[in-house]
Amino acid sequence: MNYKIFLDETGASTAEYAITTMAAVGFAGLLVVIMRSPEVKDLLFGLVKSALTFSNPNG
Protein backbone atom coordinates (compact mmCIF):
# COMPACT_ATOMS: atom_id res chain seq x y z
CA MET A 1 0.00 0.00 0.00
CA ASN A 2 1.22 3.48 -0.82
CA TYR A 3 1.38 5.46 2.46
CA LYS A 4 2.78 8.55 0.74
CA ILE A 5 -0.78 9.68 0.12
CA PHE A 6 -1.38 10.00 3.86
CA LEU A 7 1.83 11.96 4.44
CA ASP A 8 1.07 14.59 1.78
CA GLU A 9 -0.01 17.84 3.44
CA THR A 10 -0.82 19.71 0.25
CA GLY A 11 -3.79 21.97 0.89
CA ALA A 12 -3.71 21.53 4.67
CA SER A 13 -3.20 25.23 5.36
CA THR A 14 -6.00 26.13 2.94
CA ALA A 15 -8.34 23.79 4.79
CA GLU A 16 -7.31 25.34 8.11
CA TYR A 17 -8.04 28.82 6.74
CA ALA A 18 -11.42 27.65 5.48
CA ILE A 19 -12.35 26.15 8.86
CA THR A 20 -11.21 29.28 10.69
CA THR A 21 -13.18 31.49 8.30
CA MET A 22 -16.32 29.40 8.77
CA ALA A 23 -15.94 29.59 12.56
CA ALA A 24 -15.54 33.38 12.35
CA VAL A 25 -18.64 33.68 10.17
CA GLY A 26 -20.62 31.56 12.62
CA PHE A 27 -19.44 33.67 15.55
CA ALA A 28 -20.31 36.88 13.68
CA GLY A 29 -23.78 35.52 12.95
CA LEU A 30 -24.27 34.70 16.61
CA LEU A 31 -23.22 38.23 17.58
CA VAL A 32 -25.70 39.70 15.08
CA VAL A 33 -28.52 37.65 16.62
CA ILE A 34 -27.52 38.70 20.14
CA MET A 35 -27.11 42.37 19.23
CA ARG A 36 -30.58 42.52 17.66
CA SER A 37 -32.33 41.59 20.89
CA PRO A 38 -34.10 44.53 22.60
CA GLU A 39 -32.54 43.73 25.97
CA VAL A 40 -29.01 44.03 24.62
CA LYS A 41 -29.88 47.20 22.71
CA ASP A 42 -31.27 48.78 25.88
CA LEU A 43 -28.23 47.71 27.89
CA LEU A 44 -25.77 49.11 25.36
CA PHE A 45 -27.77 52.32 24.95
CA GLY A 46 -27.78 52.77 28.72
CA LEU A 47 -24.03 52.23 28.92
CA VAL A 48 -23.33 54.76 26.17
CA LYS A 49 -25.79 57.25 27.64
CA SER A 50 -24.24 57.00 31.11
CA ALA A 51 -20.74 57.31 29.65
CA LEU A 52 -21.68 60.48 27.75
CA THR A 53 -23.79 62.08 30.48
CA PHE A 54 -21.97 64.42 32.81
CA SER A 55 -23.17 64.24 36.37
CA ASN A 56 -21.87 66.27 39.27
CA PRO A 57 -20.99 63.91 42.15
CA ASN A 58 -21.38 66.79 44.66
CA GLY A 59 -24.99 67.37 43.80
C-alpha atoms as a PDB file:
ATOM      1  CA  MET A   1       0.000   0.000   0.000  1.00  0.00           C
ATOM      2  CA  ASN A   2       1.217   3.485  -0.819  1.00  0.00           C
ATOM      3  CA  TYR A   3       1.381   5.461   2.462  1.00  0.00           C
ATOM      4  CA  LYS A   4       2.784   8.551   0.740  1.00  0.00           C
ATOM      5  CA  ILE A   5      -0.777   9.684   0.121  1.00  0.00           C
ATOM      6  CA  PHE A   6      -1.382  10.001   3.855  1.00  0.00           C
ATOM      7  CA  LEU A   7       1.831  11.965   4.436  1.00  0.00           C
ATOM      8  CA  ASP A   8       1.073  14.589   1.777  1.00  0.00           C
ATOM      9  CA  GLU A   9      -0.009  17.843   3.442  1.00  0.00           C
ATOM     10  CA  THR A  10      -0.818  19.706   0.248  1.00  0.00           C
ATOM     11  CA  GLY A  11      -3.792  21.969   0.889  1.00  0.00           C
ATOM     12  CA  ALA A  12      -3.708  21.530   4.665  1.00  0.00           C
ATOM     13  CA  SER A  13      -3.195  25.229   5.365  1.00  0.00           C
ATOM     14  CA  THR A  14      -5.997  26.129   2.938  1.00  0.00           C
ATOM     15  CA  ALA A  15      -8.344  23.795   4.785  1.00  0.00           C
ATOM     16  CA  GLU A  16      -7.309  25.342   8.108  1.00  0.00           C
ATOM     17  CA  TYR A  17      -8.039  28.818   6.743  1.00  0.00           C
ATOM     18  CA  ALA A  18     -11.424  27.649   5.481  1.00  0.00           C
ATOM     19  CA  ILE A  19     -12.350  26.147   8.861  1.00  0.00           C
ATOM     20  CA  THR A  20     -11.209  29.283  10.691  1.00  0.00           C
ATOM     21  CA  THR A  21     -13.179  31.492   8.295  1.00  0.00           C
ATOM     22  CA  MET A  22     -16.318  29.396   8.765  1.00  0.00           C
ATOM     23  CA  ALA A  23     -15.936  29.594  12.556  1.00  0.00           C
ATOM     24  CA  ALA A  24     -15.540  33.383  12.352  1.00  0.00           C
ATOM     25  CA  VAL A  25     -18.644  33.678  10.169  1.00  0.00           C
ATOM     26  CA  GLY A  26     -20.622  31.561  12.621  1.00  0.00           C
ATOM     27  CA  PHE A  27     -19.439  33.670  15.553  1.00  0.00           C
ATOM     28  CA  ALA A  28     -20.311  36.883  13.682  1.00  0.00           C
ATOM     29  CA  GLY A  29     -23.782  35.519  12.947  1.00  0.00           C
ATOM     30  CA  LEU A  30     -24.273  34.698  16.607  1.00  0.00           C
ATOM     31  CA  LEU A  31     -23.219  38.227  17.578  1.00  0.00           C
ATOM     32  CA  VAL A  32     -25.697  39.699  15.083  1.00  0.00           C
ATOM     33  CA  VAL A  33     -28.518  37.653  16.619  1.00  0.00           C
ATOM     34  CA  ILE A  34     -27.523  38.701  20.139  1.00  0.00           C
ATOM     35  CA  MET A  35     -27.110  42.373  19.227  1.00  0.00           C
ATOM     36  CA  ARG A  36     -30.580  42.523  17.659  1.00  0.00           C
ATOM     37  CA  SER A  37     -32.335  41.591  20.891  1.00  0.00           C
ATOM     38  CA  PRO A  38     -34.102  44.525  22.598  1.00  0.00           C
ATOM     39  CA  GLU A  39     -32.537  43.728  25.969  1.00  0.00           C
ATOM     40  CA  VAL A  40     -29.010  44.027  24.624  1.00  0.00           C
ATOM     41  CA  LYS A  41     -29.883  47.196  22.712  1.00  0.00           C
ATOM     42  CA  ASP A  42     -31.266  48.779  25.878  1.00  0.00           C
ATOM     43  CA  LEU A  43     -28.234  47.705  27.891  1.00  0.00           C
ATOM     44  CA  LEU A  44     -25.765  49.107  25.365  1.00  0.00           C
ATOM     45  CA  PHE A  45     -27.766  52.319  24.950  1.00  0.00           C
ATOM     46  CA  GLY A  46     -27.782  52.770  28.723  1.00  0.00           C
ATOM     47  CA  LEU A  47     -24.029  52.225  28.917  1.00  0.00           C
ATOM     48  CA  VAL A  48     -23.333  54.757  26.166  1.00  0.00           C
ATOM     49  CA  LYS A  49     -25.787  57.251  27.638  1.00  0.00           C
ATOM     50  CA  SER A  50     -24.237  57.000  31.114  1.00  0.00           C
ATOM     51  CA  ALA A  51     -20.737  57.308  29.647  1.00  0.00           C
ATOM     52  CA  LEU A  52     -21.676  60.481  27.751  1.00  0.00           C
ATOM     53  CA  THR A  53     -23.787  62.082  30.476  1.00  0.00           C
ATOM     54  CA  PHE A  54     -21.974  64.425  32.813  1.00  0.00           C
ATOM     55  CA  SER A  55     -23.169  64.244  36.372  1.00  0.00           C
ATOM     56  CA  ASN A  56     -21.871  66.266  39.265  1.00  0.00           C
ATOM     57  CA  PRO A  57     -20.994  63.914  42.145  1.00  0.00           C
ATOM     58  CA  ASN A  58     -21.376  66.785  44.663  1.00  0.00           C
ATOM     59  CA  GLY A  59     -24.987  67.370  43.798  1.00  0.00           C
END
